[in-house]
């Protein structure tokens, strides 16, 4: 009986969790046909906003993604007026996205297992009072264009833009802009080559 209940809950919960957030938080906008595999952590600061587009999939359960995940999807706005936007038909597996200003992810993007994206340094570089300081923290928006594929355990840091269709290799540390239609990887992440094939229109 327990196995049956568990099976039914897992089938239903992928639709229940989006409905739960729609009903309980006005600062989170969730489009139609969104699926949550497992319960993500959506932590929205007062006056800030999280927008999740139509047909987005957030995967927080090991059984629903080939590589598994080490934690649930975490999307967090860290200050008033900060914004996180995930475009329609994107897929996110166990990623962490933190915005003090803005993180924008385009349509049809893929964020592999345990990717991290953030637009700030979290702490001041000034050693005086660094642990508790709320000012002097470097912040710069992140923008990821449509149809970008970011490999597992990549870290995308503040101020970065990634052009449309580009692929970022697993485990990369992205600290500078990546153009459209390339493959890039490494620490620091650098362009390896052009995608080199015609794109569908």
Protein backbone atom coordinates (compact mmCIF):
# COMPACT_ATOMS: atom_id res chain seq x y z
CA UNK A 1 0.00 0.00 0.00
CA UNK A 2 2.81 2.43 0.89
CA UNK A 3 4.46 1.84 -2.48
CA UNK A 4 1.20 2.56 -4.24
CA UNK A 5 0.64 5.77 -2.27
CA UNK A 6 4.20 6.86 -2.95
CA UNK A 7 3.79 6.15 -6.67
CA UNK A 8 0.55 8.15 -6.86
CA UNK A 9 2.04 11.05 -4.91
CA UNK A 10 5.07 11.25 -7.19
CA UNK A 11 2.83 11.31 -10.24
CA UNK A 12 0.60 14.03 -8.81
CA UNK A 13 3.22 16.15 -7.05
CA UNK A 14 4.84 17.34 -10.28
CA UNK A 15 1.68 19.37 -10.87
CA UNK A 16 0.85 20.06 -7.20
CA UNK A 17 4.04 21.97 -6.36
CA UNK A 18 3.58 24.64 -9.09
CA UNK A 19 -0.02 25.13 -7.95
CA UNK A 20 1.16 25.44 -4.34
CA UNK A 21 3.57 28.26 -5.19
CA UNK A 22 0.99 30.04 -7.36
CA UNK A 23 -1.44 30.09 -4.46
CA UNK A 24 0.96 30.97 -1.66
CA UNK A 25 3.31 33.60 -3.10
CA UNK A 26 2.29 36.62 -5.17
CA UNK A 27 5.92 37.40 -6.03
CA UNK A 28 6.35 34.12 -7.91
CA UNK A 29 4.80 33.90 -11.37
CA UNK A 30 4.54 30.41 -12.84
CA UNK A 31 3.42 29.79 -16.41
CA UNK A 32 1.23 27.03 -17.76
CA UNK A 33 2.25 23.36 -18.01
CA UNK A 34 5.19 23.83 -15.63
CA UNK A 35 6.44 20.62 -14.00
CA UNK A 36 8.33 20.30 -10.70
CA UNK A 37 9.90 16.88 -10.11
CA UNK A 38 10.31 17.12 -6.34
CA UNK A 39 9.92 20.26 -4.25
CA UNK A 40 12.23 23.13 -5.27
CA UNK A 41 13.26 25.89 -2.89
CA UNK A 42 11.84 29.17 -4.19
CA UNK A 43 12.91 31.90 -1.77
CA UNK A 44 11.66 35.32 -2.82
CA UNK A 45 12.67 38.53 -1.07
CA UNK A 46 10.03 41.17 -0.34
CA UNK A 47 9.28 43.27 -3.45
CA UNK A 48 11.44 41.02 -5.66
CA UNK A 49 10.18 38.64 -8.34
CA UNK A 50 10.69 35.12 -9.70
CA UNK A 51 9.17 34.34 -13.10
CA UNK A 52 9.07 30.79 -14.47
CA UNK A 53 7.88 30.50 -18.07
CA UNK A 54 5.49 28.06 -19.72
CA UNK A 55 6.52 24.38 -19.87
CA UNK A 56 9.60 24.85 -17.70
CA UNK A 57 10.76 21.71 -15.86
CA UNK A 58 12.53 21.98 -12.49
CA UNK A 59 14.05 18.67 -11.43
CA UNK A 60 14.88 18.17 -7.75
CA UNK A 61 14.74 14.34 -7.65
CA UNK A 62 17.49 11.91 -8.59
CA UNK A 63 15.18 9.51 -10.36
CA UNK A 64 14.09 12.09 -12.92
CA UNK A 65 17.48 13.05 -14.33
CA UNK A 66 20.27 10.81 -15.60
CA UNK A 67 23.12 12.32 -13.53
CA UNK A 68 21.04 12.75 -10.40
CA UNK A 69 21.15 15.88 -8.26
CA UNK A 70 22.88 16.62 -4.97
CA UNK A 71 20.15 19.01 -3.82
CA UNK A 72 16.82 20.43 -4.93
CA UNK A 73 16.59 23.33 -7.35
CA UNK A 74 17.18 26.56 -5.41
CA UNK A 75 16.02 29.90 -6.81
CA UNK A 76 16.60 32.84 -4.47
CA UNK A 77 16.16 36.61 -4.76
CA UNK A 78 18.40 38.28 -2.21
CA UNK A 79 17.25 41.90 -2.15
CA UNK A 80 14.17 44.01 -2.86
CA UNK A 81 13.61 44.58 -6.59
CA UNK A 82 15.89 41.67 -7.59
CA UNK A 83 14.59 39.46 -10.39
CA UNK A 84 15.06 35.89 -11.62
CA UNK A 85 13.49 34.97 -14.96
CA UNK A 86 13.50 31.52 -16.56
CA UNK A 87 12.22 31.41 -20.15
CA UNK A 88 9.66 29.01 -21.57
CA UNK A 89 10.52 25.33 -22.13
CA UNK A 90 13.79 25.48 -20.19
CA UNK A 91 14.95 22.55 -18.06
CA UNK A 92 16.76 22.92 -14.74
CA UNK A 93 18.25 20.01 -12.76
CA UNK A 94 19.32 20.67 -9.17
CA UNK A 95 20.68 24.12 -10.05
CA UNK A 96 21.14 27.07 -7.70
CA UNK A 97 20.23 30.54 -9.00
CA UNK A 98 20.78 33.56 -6.75
CA UNK A 99 20.05 37.16 -7.72
CA UNK A 100 20.77 40.37 -5.86
CA UNK A 101 19.98 42.33 -9.04
CA UNK A 102 19.00 40.15 -12.00
CA UNK A 103 19.53 36.70 -13.46
CA UNK A 104 17.81 36.11 -16.80
CA UNK A 105 17.70 32.69 -18.45
CA UNK A 106 16.26 32.51 -21.96
CA UNK A 107 13.88 30.12 -23.64
CA UNK A 108 14.68 26.43 -24.23
CA UNK A 109 17.82 26.50 -22.07
CA UNK A 110 19.24 23.42 -20.35
CA UNK A 111 20.92 23.72 -16.95
CA UNK A 112 22.68 20.48 -16.07
CA UNK A 113 22.93 18.86 -12.67
CA UNK A 114 24.11 21.16 -9.84
CA UNK A 115 24.85 24.22 -12.00
CA UNK A 116 25.29 27.44 -9.99
CA UNK A 117 24.43 30.91 -11.31
CA UNK A 118 24.75 34.09 -9.25
CA UNK A 119 25.07 37.82 -9.89
CA UNK A 120 26.98 38.90 -6.79
CA UNK A 121 29.91 38.12 -4.49
CA UNK A 122 27.67 37.45 -1.44
CA UNK A 123 30.22 39.19 0.82
CA UNK A 124 32.24 42.41 0.61
CA UNK A 125 35.86 42.22 -0.49
CA UNK A 126 36.70 44.60 2.37
CA UNK A 127 37.96 42.39 5.20
CA UNK A 128 36.55 44.72 7.86
CA UNK A 129 33.22 43.26 8.92
CA UNK A 130 33.06 41.06 5.83
CA UNK A 131 30.99 38.34 7.46
CA UNK A 132 28.01 40.55 8.30
CA UNK A 133 28.38 43.48 5.90
CA UNK A 134 25.31 44.28 3.81
CA UNK A 135 27.02 46.99 1.74
CA UNK A 136 30.05 46.99 -0.53
CA UNK A 137 29.03 43.72 -2.21
CA UNK A 138 29.85 43.63 -5.92
CA UNK A 139 26.76 42.97 -8.04
CA UNK A 140 26.34 42.67 -11.82
CA UNK A 141 23.46 41.11 -13.73
CA UNK A 142 23.72 37.75 -15.51
CA UNK A 143 22.05 37.16 -18.87
CA UNK A 144 21.81 33.78 -20.59
CA UNK A 145 20.28 33.88 -24.06
CA UNK A 146 17.88 31.39 -25.65
CA UNK A 147 18.79 27.74 -26.24
CA UNK A 148 21.98 27.71 -24.15
CA UNK A 149 23.15 24.36 -22.73
CA UNK A 150 25.16 24.63 -19.49
CA UNK A 151 26.85 21.38 -18.45
CA UNK A 152 26.74 19.82 -15.00
CA UNK A 153 28.43 21.57 -12.07
CA UNK A 154 29.30 24.67 -14.06
CA UNK A 155 29.50 27.96 -12.14
CA UNK A 156 28.34 31.14 -13.90
CA UNK A 157 29.51 34.21 -12.02
CA UNK A 158 28.38 37.83 -11.82
CA UNK A 159 28.29 40.08 -14.88
CA UNK A 160 28.40 37.24 -17.42
CA UNK A 161 26.37 37.00 -20.61
CA UNK A 162 26.18 33.84 -22.71
CA UNK A 163 25.02 34.11 -26.31
CA UNK A 164 22.25 32.07 -27.88
CA UNK A 165 22.74 28.40 -28.73
CA UNK A 166 26.13 28.15 -27.02
CA UNK A 167 27.24 25.09 -25.04
CA UNK A 168 29.23 25.35 -21.80
CA UNK A 169 31.22 22.24 -20.90
CA UNK A 170 30.66 20.48 -17.58
CA UNK A 171 32.57 21.83 -14.59
CA UNK A 172 33.41 25.17 -16.20
CA UNK A 173 33.89 28.43 -14.30
CA UNK A 174 32.39 31.21 -16.41
CA UNK A 175 33.78 34.62 -15.43
CA UNK A 176 33.56 36.50 -18.75
CA UNK A 177 31.14 36.81 -21.64
CA UNK A 178 30.69 33.91 -24.06
CA UNK A 179 29.48 34.69 -27.60
CA UNK A 180 26.63 33.00 -29.43
CA UNK A 181 26.95 29.70 -31.32
CA UNK A 182 30.14 28.38 -29.71
CA UNK A 183 31.35 25.57 -27.45
CA UNK A 184 33.23 26.86 -24.42
CA UNK A 185 34.73 25.13 -21.39
CA UNK A 186 37.39 25.28 -18.72
CA UNK A 187 38.51 27.29 -15.71
CA UNK A 188 38.32 30.05 -16.66
CA UNK A 189 35.81 29.18 -19.38
CA UNK A 190 37.08 29.94 -22.89
CA UNK A 191 35.76 29.39 -26.40
CA UNK A 192 36.96 26.09 -27.85
CA UNK A 193 35.27 26.18 -31.24
CA UNK A 194 32.27 27.29 -33.21
CA UNK A 195 29.25 25.03 -33.25
CA UNK A 196 29.89 24.84 -36.98
CA UNK A 197 26.56 23.70 -38.31
CA UNK A 198 23.54 25.54 -39.75
CA UNK A 199 20.81 26.25 -37.23
CA UNK A 200 17.14 25.53 -37.81
CA UNK A 201 15.01 28.59 -38.44
